[in-house]
PDB file of N, CA and C in Angstrom:
ATOM      1  N   MET A   1     134.244  96.304 108.540  1.00  0.00           N
ATOM      2  CA  MET A   1     134.087  97.656 108.024  1.00  0.00           C
ATOM      3  C   MET A   1     132.609  98.033 107.990  1.00  0.00           C
ATOM      4  N   GLN A   2     132.320  99.271 108.291  1.00  0.00           N
ATOM      5  CA  GLN A   2     130.931  99.711 108.327  1.00  0.00           C
ATOM      6  C   GLN A   2     130.436 100.102 106.945  1.00  0.00           C
ATOM      7  N   HIS A   3     129.112  99.996 106.784  1.00  0.00           N
ATOM      8  CA  HIS A   3     128.460 100.372 105.543  1.00  0.00           C
ATOM      9  C   HIS A   3     128.362 101.890 105.460  1.00  0.00           C
ATOM     10  N   HIS A   4     128.867 102.478 104.378  1.00  0.00           N
ATOM     11  CA  HIS A   4     128.824 103.935 104.209  1.00  0.00           C
ATOM     12  C   HIS A   4     127.867 104.293 103.097  1.00  0.00           C
ATOM     13  N   GLY A   5     126.926 105.149 103.396  1.00  0.00           N
ATOM     14  CA  GLY A   5     126.035 105.659 102.367  1.00  0.00           C
ATOM     15  C   GLY A   5     124.771 104.842 102.223  1.00  0.00           C
ATOM     16  N   SER A   6     123.967 105.266 101.276  1.00  0.00           N
ATOM     17  CA  SER A   6     122.652 104.668 101.092  1.00  0.00           C
ATOM     18  C   SER A   6     122.534 103.995  99.735  1.00  0.00           C
ATOM     19  N   PHE A   7     121.318 103.659  99.377  1.00  0.00           N
ATOM     20  CA  PHE A   7     120.989 102.941  98.155  1.00  0.00           C
ATOM     21  C   PHE A   7     121.460 103.680  96.895  1.00  0.00           C
ATOM     22  N   ARG A   8     121.314 104.993  96.901  1.00  0.00           N
ATOM     23  CA  ARG A   8     121.624 105.777  95.699  1.00  0.00           C
ATOM     24  C   ARG A   8     123.003 106.443  95.762  1.00  0.00           C
ATOM     25  N   ARG A   9     123.886 105.939  96.586  1.00  0.00           N
ATOM     26  CA  ARG A   9     125.217 106.510  96.738  1.00  0.00           C
ATOM     27  C   ARG A   9     126.022 106.349  95.452  1.00  0.00           C
ATOM     28  N   LYS A  10     126.723 107.398  95.057  1.00  0.00           N
ATOM     29  CA  LYS A  10     127.584 107.434  93.870  1.00  0.00           C
ATOM     30  C   LYS A  10     126.819 107.174  92.567  1.00  0.00           C
ATOM     31  N   THR A  11     125.587 107.664  92.483  1.00  0.00           N
ATOM     32  CA  THR A  11     124.799 107.448  91.270  1.00  0.00           C
ATOM     33  C   THR A  11     124.392 108.773  90.636  1.00  0.00           C
ATOM     34  N   ARG A  12     125.202 109.792  90.816  1.00  0.00           N
ATOM     35  CA  ARG A  12     124.847 111.119  90.319  1.00  0.00           C
ATOM     36  C   ARG A  12     124.624 111.118  88.807  1.00  0.00           C
ATOM     37  N   GLY A  13     125.473 110.445  88.079  1.00  0.00           N
ATOM     38  CA  GLY A  13     125.322 110.399  86.630  1.00  0.00           C
ATOM     39  C   GLY A  13     124.349 109.333  86.189  1.00  0.00           C
ATOM     40  N   LYS A  14     124.422 108.191  86.844  1.00  0.00           N
ATOM     41  CA  LYS A  14     123.620 107.037  86.444  1.00  0.00           C
ATOM     42  C   LYS A  14     122.129 107.252  86.658  1.00  0.00           C
ATOM     43  N   LEU A  15     121.753 107.807  87.802  1.00  0.00           N
ATOM     44  CA  LEU A  15     120.340 108.003  88.117  1.00  0.00           C
ATOM     45  C   LEU A  15     119.940 109.474  88.016  1.00  0.00           C
ATOM     46  N   SER A  16     120.323 110.120  86.926  1.00  0.00           N
ATOM     47  CA  SER A  16     119.881 111.491  86.701  1.00  0.00           C
ATOM     48  C   SER A  16     119.382 111.607  85.273  1.00  0.00           C
ATOM     49  N   LYS A  17     118.473 112.525  85.066  1.00  0.00           N
ATOM     50  CA  LYS A  17     117.889 112.723  83.741  1.00  0.00           C
ATOM     51  C   LYS A  17     118.618 113.841  83.016  1.00  0.00           C
ATOM     52  N   GLY A  18     118.595 113.754  81.711  1.00  0.00           N
ATOM     53  CA  GLY A  18     119.139 114.838  80.904  1.00  0.00           C
ATOM     54  C   GLY A  18     118.188 116.024  80.924  1.00  0.00           C
ATOM     55  N   HIS A  19     118.642 117.133  80.419  1.00  0.00           N
ATOM     56  CA  HIS A  19     117.865 118.370  80.452  1.00  0.00           C
ATOM     57  C   HIS A  19     116.515 118.222  79.755  1.00  0.00           C
ATOM     58  N   LYS A  20     116.477 117.544  78.616  1.00  0.00           N
ATOM     59  CA  LYS A  20     115.238 117.443  77.843  1.00  0.00           C
ATOM     60  C   LYS A  20     114.297 116.359  78.336  1.00  0.00           C
ATOM     61  N   GLU A  21     114.771 115.460  79.179  1.00  0.00           N
ATOM     62  CA  GLU A  21     113.905 114.383  79.681  1.00  0.00           C
ATOM     63  C   GLU A  21     113.153 114.764  80.951  1.00  0.00           C
ATOM     64  N   LYS A  22     113.517 115.877  81.563  1.00  0.00           N
ATOM     65  CA  LYS A  22     112.887 116.260  82.821  1.00  0.00           C
ATOM     66  C   LYS A  22     111.436 116.656  82.600  1.00  0.00           C
ATOM     67  N   GLY A  23     110.614 116.445  83.629  1.00  0.00           N
ATOM     68  CA  GLY A  23     109.210 116.822  83.535  1.00  0.00           C
ATOM     69  C   GLY A  23     108.317 115.706  84.015  1.00  0.00           C
ATOM     70  N   LYS A  24     107.087 115.752  83.572  1.00  0.00           N
ATOM     71  CA  LYS A  24     106.081 114.809  84.026  1.00  0.00           C
ATOM     72  C   LYS A  24     106.375 113.398  83.505  1.00  0.00           C
ATOM     73  N   ILE A  25     106.111 112.386  84.354  1.00  0.00           N
ATOM     74  CA  ILE A  25     106.332 110.991  83.972  1.00  0.00           C
ATOM     75  C   ILE A  25     105.191 110.541  83.071  1.00  0.00           C
ATOM     76  N   SER A  26     105.525 109.817  82.019  1.00  0.00           N
ATOM     77  CA  SER A  26     104.528 109.318  81.082  1.00  0.00           C
ATOM     78  C   SER A  26     103.683 108.217  81.726  1.00  0.00           C
ATOM     79  N   LEU A  27     102.369 108.324  81.621  1.00  0.00           N
ATOM     80  CA  LEU A  27     101.483 107.303  82.163  1.00  0.00           C
ATOM     81  C   LEU A  27     101.566 106.012  81.352  1.00  0.00           C
ATOM     82  N   ARG A  28     101.913 106.121  80.092  1.00  0.00           N
ATOM     83  CA  ARG A  28     102.063 104.941  79.240  1.00  0.00           C
ATOM     84  C   ARG A  28     103.157 104.023  79.787  1.00  0.00           C
ATOM     85  N   LYS A  29     104.256 104.618  80.220  1.00  0.00           N
ATOM     86  CA  LYS A  29     105.343 103.812  80.809  1.00  0.00           C
ATOM     87  C   LYS A  29     104.926 103.243  82.162  1.00  0.00           C
ATOM     88  N   PHE A  30     104.131 103.994  82.883  1.00  0.00           N
ATOM     89  CA  PHE A  30     103.713 103.596  84.221  1.00  0.00           C
ATOM     90  C   PHE A  30     102.826 102.351  84.192  1.00  0.00           C
ATOM     91  N   PHE A  31     101.947 102.259  83.193  1.00  0.00           N
ATOM     92  CA  PHE A  31     100.989 101.166  83.125  1.00  0.00           C
ATOM     93  C   PHE A  31     101.306 100.129  82.053  1.00  0.00           C
ATOM     94  N   GLN A  32     102.526 100.110  81.531  1.00  0.00           N
ATOM     95  CA  GLN A  32     102.841  99.144  80.473  1.00  0.00           C
ATOM     96  C   GLN A  32     102.810  97.708  81.007  1.00  0.00           C
ATOM     97  N   GLU A  33     102.403  96.803  80.144  1.00  0.00           N
ATOM     98  CA  GLU A  33     102.247  95.385  80.503  1.00  0.00           C
ATOM     99  C   GLU A  33     103.326  94.559  79.807  1.00  0.00           C
ATOM    100  N   PHE A  34     103.790  93.531  80.503  1.00  0.00           N
ATOM    101  CA  PHE A  34     104.768  92.604  79.942  1.00  0.00           C
ATOM    102  C   PHE A  34     104.246  91.185  80.099  1.00  0.00           C
ATOM    103  N   LYS A  35     104.576  90.320  79.138  1.00  0.00           N
ATOM    104  CA  LYS A  35     104.181  88.916  79.204  1.00  0.00           C
ATOM    105  C   LYS A  35     105.331  88.096  79.766  1.00  0.00           C
ATOM    106  N   ASN A  36     105.015  86.911  80.296  1.00  0.00           N
ATOM    107  CA  ASN A  36     106.051  86.011  80.798  1.00  0.00           C
ATOM    108  C   ASN A  36     106.961  85.596  79.647  1.00  0.00           C
ATOM    109  N   GLY A  37     108.266  85.582  79.911  1.00  0.00           N
ATOM    110  CA  GLY A  37     109.241  85.193  78.903  1.00  0.00           C
ATOM    111  C   GLY A  37     109.714  86.342  78.032  1.00  0.00           C
ATOM    112  N   GLU A  38     109.150  87.533  78.206  1.00  0.00           N
ATOM    113  CA  GLU A  38     109.533  88.690  77.397  1.00  0.00           C
ATOM    114  C   GLU A  38     110.866  89.257  77.880  1.00  0.00           C
ATOM    115  N   LYS A  39     111.710  89.660  76.924  1.00  0.00           N
ATOM    116  CA  LYS A  39     113.011  90.238  77.258  1.00  0.00           C
ATOM    117  C   LYS A  39     112.842  91.729  77.551  1.00  0.00           C
ATOM    118  N   VAL A  40     113.449  92.175  78.648  1.00  0.00           N
ATOM    119  CA  VAL A  40     113.367  93.588  79.035  1.00  0.00           C
ATOM    120  C   VAL A  40     114.748  94.116  79.410  1.00  0.00           C
ATOM    121  N   VAL A  41     114.894  95.438  79.313  1.00  0.00           N
ATOM    122  CA  VAL A  41     116.116  96.123  79.727  1.00  0.00           C
ATOM    123  C   VAL A  41     115.754  97.016  80.895  1.00  0.00           C
ATOM    124  N   MET A  42     116.612  97.052  81.904  1.00  0.00           N
ATOM    125  CA  MET A  42     116.344  97.874  83.073  1.00  0.00           C
ATOM    126  C   MET A  42     116.911  99.275  82.875  1.00  0.00           C
ATOM    127  N   LYS A  43     115.997 100.233  82.795  1.00  0.00           N
ATOM    128  CA  LYS A  43     116.373 101.630  82.645  1.00  0.00           C
ATOM    129  C   LYS A  43     115.595 102.404  83.705  1.00  0.00           C
ATOM    130  N   ALA A  44     116.282 102.870  84.718  1.00  0.00           N
ATOM    131  CA  ALA A  44     115.630 103.477  85.882  1.00  0.00           C
ATOM    132  C   ALA A  44     114.971 104.807  85.543  1.00  0.00           C
ATOM    133  N   GLU A  45     113.841 105.051  86.174  1.00  0.00           N
ATOM    134  CA  GLU A  45     113.154 106.347  86.134  1.00  0.00           C
ATOM    135  C   GLU A  45     113.467 107.018  87.472  1.00  0.00           C
ATOM    136  N   PRO A  46     114.425 107.958  87.495  1.00  0.00           N
ATOM    137  CA  PRO A  46     114.903 108.515  88.761  1.00  0.00           C
ATOM    138  C   PRO A  46     113.838 109.256  89.572  1.00  0.00           C
ATOM    139  N   ALA A  47     112.796 109.752  88.911  1.00  0.00           N
ATOM    140  CA  ALA A  47     111.772 110.516  89.623  1.00  0.00           C
ATOM    141  C   ALA A  47     110.833 109.620  90.427  1.00  0.00           C
ATOM    142  N   TYR A  48     110.851 108.313  90.171  1.00  0.00           N
ATOM    143  CA  TYR A  48     109.951 107.388  90.860  1.00  0.00           C
ATOM    144  C   TYR A  48     110.793 106.291  91.494  1.00  0.00           C
ATOM    145  N   GLN A  49     110.933 106.340  92.832  1.00  0.00           N
ATOM    146  CA  GLN A  49     111.850 105.418  93.506  1.00  0.00           C
ATOM    147  C   GLN A  49     111.222 104.077  93.871  1.00  0.00           C
ATOM    148  N   ASN A  50     109.882 103.984  93.929  1.00  0.00           N
ATOM    149  CA  ASN A  50     109.245 102.730  94.322  1.00  0.00           C
ATOM    150  C   ASN A  50     109.526 101.641  93.289  1.00  0.00           C
ATOM    151  N   GLY A  51     109.877 100.472  93.767  1.00  0.00           N
ATOM    152  CA  GLY A  51     110.101  99.343  92.860  1.00  0.00           C
ATOM    153  C   GLY A  51     111.364  99.480  92.027  1.00  0.00           C
ATOM    154  N   MET A  52     112.299 100.309  92.472  1.00  0.00           N
ATOM    155  CA  MET A  52     113.546 100.492  91.729  1.00  0.00           C
ATOM    156  C   MET A  52     114.538  99.416  92.150  1.00  0.00           C
ATOM    157  N   TYR A  53     115.292  98.927  91.207  1.00  0.00           N
ATOM    158  CA  TYR A  53     116.305  97.907  91.461  1.00  0.00           C
ATOM    159  C   TYR A  53     117.580  98.563  91.976  1.00  0.00           C
ATOM    160  N   TYR A  54     118.521  97.746  92.424  1.00  0.00           N
ATOM    161  CA  TYR A  54     119.811  98.263  92.884  1.00  0.00           C
ATOM    162  C   TYR A  54     120.567  98.847  91.680  1.00  0.00           C
ATOM    163  N   PRO A  55     121.177 100.024  91.808  1.00  0.00           N
ATOM    164  CA  PRO A  55     121.784 100.696  90.662  1.00  0.00           C
ATOM    165  C   PRO A  55     122.863  99.892  89.927  1.00  0.00           C
ATOM    166  N   ARG A  56     123.417  98.896  90.575  1.00  0.00           N
ATOM    167  CA  ARG A  56     124.427  98.053  89.931  1.00  0.00           C
ATOM    168  C   ARG A  56     123.868  97.355  88.683  1.00  0.00           C
ATOM    169  N   PHE A  57     122.557  97.104  88.659  1.00  0.00           N
ATOM    170  CA  PHE A  57     121.930  96.379  87.555  1.00  0.00           C
ATOM    171  C   PHE A  57     121.415  97.298  86.455  1.00  0.00           C
ATOM    172  N   HIS A  58     121.752  98.581  86.503  1.00  0.00           N
ATOM    173  CA  HIS A  58     121.276  99.553  85.517  1.00  0.00           C
ATOM    174  C   HIS A  58     121.796  99.209  84.126  1.00  0.00           C
ATOM    175  N   GLY A  59     120.884  99.094  83.167  1.00  0.00           N
ATOM    176  CA  GLY A  59     121.260  98.781  81.794  1.00  0.00           C
ATOM    177  C   GLY A  59     121.314  97.299  81.480  1.00  0.00           C
ATOM    178  N   LYS A  60     121.153  96.449  82.496  1.00  0.00           N
ATOM    179  CA  LYS A  60     121.190  94.999  82.261  1.00  0.00           C
ATOM    180  C   LYS A  60     119.871  94.539  81.673  1.00  0.00           C
ATOM    181  N   SER A  61     119.942  93.454  80.921  1.00  0.00           N
ATOM    182  CA  SER A  61     118.720  92.907  80.354  1.00  0.00           C
ATOM    183  C   SER A  61     118.386  91.603  81.051  1.00  0.00           C
ATOM    184  N   GLY A  62     117.111  91.272  81.044  1.00  0.00           N
ATOM    185  CA  GLY A  62     116.651  90.066  81.698  1.00  0.00           C
ATOM    186  C   GLY A  62     115.357  89.579  81.091  1.00  0.00           C
ATOM    187  N   MET A  63     114.755  88.604  81.750  1.00  0.00           N
ATOM    188  CA  MET A  63     113.535  88.000  81.251  1.00  0.00           C
ATOM    189  C   MET A  63     112.453  88.091  82.327  1.00  0.00           C
ATOM    190  N   VAL A  64     111.250  88.450  81.911  1.00  0.00           N
ATOM    191  CA  VAL A  64     110.121  88.545  82.833  1.00  0.00           C
ATOM    192  C   VAL A  64     109.635  87.139  83.159  1.00  0.00           C
ATOM    193  N   LEU A  65     109.575  86.830  84.466  1.00  0.00           N
ATOM    194  CA  LEU A  65     109.102  85.511  84.898  1.00  0.00           C
ATOM    195  C   LEU A  65     107.649  85.530  85.343  1.00  0.00           C
ATOM    196  N   GLY A  66     107.203  86.645  85.895  1.00  0.00           N
ATOM    197  CA  GLY A  66     105.835  86.722  86.388  1.00  0.00           C
ATOM    198  C   GLY A  66     105.565  88.087  86.973  1.00  0.00           C
ATOM    199  N   LYS A  67     104.412  88.190  87.612  1.00  0.00           N
ATOM    200  CA  LYS A  67     104.023  89.461  88.208  1.00  0.00           C
ATOM    201  C   LYS A  67     103.860  89.284  89.706  1.00  0.00           C
ATOM    202  N   ARG A  68     104.241  90.292  90.470  1.00  0.00           N
ATOM    203  CA  ARG A  68     104.077  90.277  91.917  1.00  0.00           C
ATOM    204  C   ARG A  68     103.517  91.640  92.322  1.00  0.00           C
ATOM    205  N   GLY A  69     102.201  91.697  92.535  1.00  0.00           N
ATOM    206  CA  GLY A  69     101.545  92.972  92.809  1.00  0.00           C
ATOM    207  C   GLY A  69     101.559  93.810  91.541  1.00  0.00           C
ATOM    208  N   GLU A  70     102.027  95.062  91.661  1.00  0.00           N
ATOM    209  CA  GLU A  70     102.159  95.928  90.487  1.00  0.00           C
ATOM    210  C   GLU A  70     103.456  95.641  89.736  1.00  0.00           C
ATOM    211  N   CYS A  71     104.405  95.023  90.413  1.00  0.00           N
ATOM    212  CA  CYS A  71     105.748  94.851  89.866  1.00  0.00           C
ATOM    213  C   CYS A  71     105.909  93.527  89.113  1.00  0.00           C
ATOM    214  N   TYR A  72     107.032  93.428  88.421  1.00  0.00           N
ATOM    215  CA  TYR A  72     107.353  92.222  87.664  1.00  0.00           C
ATOM    216  C   TYR A  72     108.595  91.563  88.249  1.00  0.00           C
ATOM    217  N   GLU A  73     108.614  90.225  88.183  1.00  0.00           N
ATOM    218  CA  GLU A  73     109.796  89.466  88.580  1.00  0.00           C
ATOM    219  C   GLU A  73     110.676  89.331  87.348  1.00  0.00           C
ATOM    220  N   VAL A  74     111.891  89.850  87.440  1.00  0.00           N
ATOM    221  CA  VAL A  74     112.812  89.838  86.307  1.00  0.00           C
ATOM    222  C   VAL A  74     114.025  89.003  86.681  1.00  0.00           C
ATOM    223  N   LEU A  75     114.360  88.035  85.844  1.00  0.00           N
ATOM    224  CA  LEU A  75     115.514  87.174  86.063  1.00  0.00           C
ATOM    225  C   LEU A  75     116.675  87.712  85.248  1.00  0.00           C
ATOM    226  N   ILE A  76     117.787  88.043  85.928  1.00  0.00           N
ATOM    227  CA  ILE A  76     118.965  88.550  85.227  1.00  0.00           C
ATOM    228  C   ILE A  76     120.158  87.670  85.560  1.00  0.00           C
ATOM    229  N   LYS A  77     121.205  87.821  84.778  1.00  0.00           N
ATOM    230  CA  LYS A  77     122.441  87.113  85.049  1.00  0.00           C
ATOM    231  C   LYS A  77     123.459  88.117  85.549  1.00  0.00           C
ATOM    232  N   ASP A  78     123.992  87.875  86.747  1.00  0.00           N
ATOM    233  CA  ASP A  78     124.996  88.746  87.345  1.00  0.00           C
ATOM    234  C   ASP A  78     126.261  87.921  87.503  1.00  0.00           C
ATOM    235  N   GLY A  79     127.143  88.035  86.531  1.00  0.00           N
ATOM    236  CA  GLY A  79     128.308  87.152  86.500  1.00  0.00           C
ATOM    237  C   GLY A  79     127.837  85.758  86.147  1.00  0.00           C
ATOM    238  N   ARG A  80     128.092  84.786  87.022  1.00  0.00           N
ATOM    239  CA  ARG A  80     127.633  83.412  86.786  1.00  0.00           C
ATOM    240  C   ARG A  80     126.301  83.117  87.467  1.00  0.00           C
ATOM    241  N   LYS A  81     125.888  84.003  88.363  1.00  0.00           N
ATOM    242  CA  LYS A  81     124.661  83.747  89.131  1.00  0.00           C
ATOM    243  C   LYS A  81     123.451  84.343  88.440  1.00  0.00           C
ATOM    244  N   GLU A  82     122.329  83.674  88.625  1.00  0.00           N
ATOM    245  CA  GLU A  82     121.064  84.226  88.174  1.00  0.00           C
ATOM    246  C   GLU A  82     120.377  84.855  89.377  1.00  0.00           C
ATOM    247  N   LYS A  83     119.841  86.056  89.196  1.00  0.00           N
ATOM    248  CA  LYS A  83     119.195  86.756  90.293  1.00  0.00           C
ATOM    249  C   LYS A  83     117.789  87.161  89.890  1.00  0.00           C
ATOM    250  N   LEU A  84     116.891  87.113  90.854  1.00  0.00           N
ATOM    251  CA  LEU A  84     115.504  87.489  90.631  1.00  0.00           C
ATOM    252  C   LEU A  84     115.267  88.858  91.258  1.00  0.00           C
ATOM    253  N   LEU A  85     114.898  89.820  90.427  1.00  0.00           N
ATOM    254  CA  LEU A  85     114.638  91.178  90.896  1.00  0.00           C
ATOM    255  C   LEU A  85     113.158  91.478  90.766  1.00  0.00           C
ATOM    256  N   ILE A  86     112.638  92.257  91.677  1.00  0.00           N
ATOM    257  CA  ILE A  86     111.247  92.685  91.620  1.00  0.00           C
ATOM    258  C   ILE A  86     111.262  94.167  91.248  1.00  0.00           C
ATOM    259  N   VAL A  87     110.778  94.458  90.028  1.00  0.00           N
ATOM    260  CA  VAL A  87     110.946  95.785  89.447  1.00  0.00           C
ATOM    261  C   VAL A  87     109.599  96.341  88.985  1.00  0.00           C
ATOM    262  N   HIS A  88     109.366  97.615  89.269  1.00  0.00           N
ATOM    263  CA  HIS A  88     108.160  98.296  88.793  1.00  0.00           C
ATOM    264  C   HIS A  88     108.283  98.517  87.278  1.00  0.00           C
ATOM    265  N   PRO A  89     107.165  98.429  86.542  1.00  0.00           N
ATOM    266  CA  PRO A  89     107.230  98.553  85.078  1.00  0.00           C
ATOM    267  C   PRO A  89     107.766  99.887  84.571  1.00  0.00           C
ATOM    268  N   ILE A  90     107.742 100.932  85.383  1.00  0.00           N
ATOM    269  CA  ILE A  90     108.259 102.225  84.928  1.00  0.00           C
ATOM    270  C   ILE A  90     109.770 102.176  84.719  1.00  0.00           C
ATOM    271  N   HIS A  91     110.435 101.226  85.373  1.00  0.00           N
ATOM    272  CA  HIS A  91     111.888 101.078  85.255  1.00  0.00           C
ATOM    273  C   HIS A  91     112.285 100.051  84.192  1.00  0.00           C
ATOM    274  N   LEU A  92     111.314  99.535  83.445  1.00  0.00           N
ATOM    275  CA  LEU A  92     111.583  98.506  82.442  1.00  0.00           C
ATOM    276  C   LEU A  92     111.307  99.020  81.038  1.00  0.00           C
ATOM    277  N   LYS A  93     112.058  98.489  80.080  1.00  0.00           N
ATOM    278  CA  LYS A  93     111.884  98.849  78.686  1.00  0.00           C
ATOM    279  C   LYS A  93     111.985  97.589  77.857  1.00  0.00           C
ATOM    280  N   ARG A  94     111.149  97.421  76.854  1.00  0.00           N
ATOM    281  CA  ARG A  94     111.189  96.237  76.003  1.00  0.00           C
ATOM    282  C   ARG A  94     112.517  96.153  75.274  1.00  0.00           C
ATOM    283  N   SER A  95     113.076  94.944  75.233  1.00  0.00           N
ATOM    284  CA  SER A  95     114.318  94.732  74.501  1.00  0.00           C
ATOM    285  C   SER A  95     114.010  94.667  73.017  1.00  0.00           C
ATOM    286  N   GLU A  96     114.916  95.183  72.192  1.00  0.00           N
ATOM    287  CA  GLU A  96     114.674  95.222  70.759  1.00  0.00           C
ATOM    288  C   GLU A  96     115.015  93.920  70.057  1.00  0.00           C
ATOM    289  N   LYS A  97     115.625  92.985  70.765  1.00  0.00           N
ATOM    290  CA  LYS A  97     115.998  91.711  70.146  1.00  0.00           C
ATOM    291  C   LYS A  97     114.845  90.756  70.150  1.00  0.00           C
TER     292      LYS A  97
END
Protein backbone atom coordinates (compact mmCIF):
# COMPACT_ATOMS: atom_id res chain seq x y z
CA MET A 1 0.00 0.00 0.00
CA GLN A 2 1.24 3.48 -0.80
CA HIS A 3 1.89 6.22 1.72
CA HIS A 4 -0.89 8.84 1.64
CA GLY A 5 -0.35 12.34 2.93
CA SER A 6 2.40 14.14 4.71
CA PHE A 7 3.83 14.67 8.19
CA ARG A 8 0.95 16.85 9.39
CA ARG A 9 -1.88 14.78 7.91
CA LYS A 10 -5.03 14.55 10.07
CA THR A 11 -3.71 16.98 12.68
CA ARG A 12 -6.20 19.81 12.22
CA GLY A 13 -7.20 19.82 15.88
CA LYS A 14 -3.98 18.57 17.39
CA LEU A 15 -1.60 21.04 15.72
CA SER A 16 -3.74 24.17 15.80
CA LYS A 17 -3.84 27.04 18.25
CA GLY A 18 -6.86 28.39 20.03
CA HIS A 19 -8.13 31.87 19.26
CA LYS A 20 -6.36 33.53 22.21
CA GLU A 21 -3.01 31.78 21.71
CA LYS A 22 -2.45 33.08 18.18
CA GLY A 23 0.18 35.73 17.58
CA LYS A 24 3.87 36.23 18.07
CA ILE A 25 5.93 33.34 19.49
CA SER A 26 7.44 33.99 22.91
CA LEU A 27 11.23 34.29 22.86
CA ARG A 28 11.35 32.89 26.39
CA LYS A 29 10.02 29.56 25.11
CA PHE A 30 12.36 29.69 22.13
CA PHE A 31 15.53 29.99 24.23
CA GLN A 32 14.57 27.93 27.29
CA GLU A 33 17.26 25.62 28.67
CA PHE A 34 16.86 22.09 30.02
CA LYS A 35 19.27 20.00 32.09
CA ASN A 36 20.06 16.32 31.53
CA GLY A 37 17.60 14.07 33.36
CA GLU A 38 14.87 16.74 33.47
CA LYS A 39 11.30 15.60 32.79
CA VAL A 40 9.56 17.36 29.89
CA VAL A 41 6.19 17.21 28.13
CA MET A 42 5.95 17.55 24.37
CA LYS A 43 3.57 20.33 23.40
CA ALA A 44 3.97 21.40 19.78
CA GLU A 45 4.20 25.03 18.68
CA PRO A 46 2.36 24.83 15.33
CA ALA A 47 3.77 28.12 14.03
CA TYR A 48 7.35 26.79 14.14
CA GLN A 49 7.86 23.52 12.26
CA ASN A 50 11.65 23.12 12.67
CA GLY A 51 12.60 20.46 15.20
CA MET A 52 9.00 19.28 15.58
CA TYR A 53 8.39 15.67 16.57
CA TYR A 54 5.96 13.30 14.87
CA PRO A 55 2.39 14.26 15.91
CA ARG A 56 1.77 10.79 17.36
CA PHE A 57 3.94 11.78 20.35
CA HIS A 58 1.96 14.95 21.14
CA GLY A 59 1.35 15.26 24.88
CA LYS A 60 3.78 12.49 25.82
CA SER A 61 6.33 13.05 28.53
CA GLY A 62 9.96 12.06 28.46
CA MET A 63 13.39 12.73 29.85
CA VAL A 64 16.09 15.00 28.43
CA LEU A 65 19.25 13.01 27.68
CA GLY A 66 21.42 15.69 26.09
CA LYS A 67 21.68 18.43 23.54
CA ARG A 68 22.23 18.13 19.79
CA GLY A 69 22.79 21.52 18.17
CA GLU A 70 19.90 23.77 19.21
CA CYS A 71 17.66 20.78 19.92
CA TYR A 72 17.38 18.35 22.80
CA GLU A 73 17.45 14.55 22.78
CA VAL A 74 14.31 13.36 24.54
CA LEU A 75 13.79 9.73 25.54
CA ILE A 76 10.14 8.64 25.57
CA LYS A 77 8.34 5.36 26.01
CA ASP A 78 6.12 4.33 23.10
CA GLY A 79 4.33 1.20 24.22
CA ARG A 80 7.14 -1.10 25.36
CA LYS A 81 9.86 0.55 23.28
CA GLU A 82 11.99 3.48 24.25
CA LYS A 83 12.51 6.04 21.50
CA LEU A 84 14.94 8.91 21.18
CA LEU A 85 13.47 12.07 19.66
CA ILE A 86 15.33 15.21 18.68
CA VAL A 87 13.09 18.13 19.60
CA HIS A 88 13.50 21.92 19.49
CA PRO A 89 12.96 23.57 22.92
CA ILE A 90 9.97 25.56 21.65
CA HIS A 91 8.02 22.28 21.50
CA LEU A 92 8.96 21.28 25.07
CA LYS A 93 7.44 22.19 28.41
CA ARG A 94 8.74 21.39 31.90
CA SER A 95 6.85 18.60 33.62
CA GLU A 96 5.20 19.57 36.89
CA LYS A 97 6.12 16.32 38.64
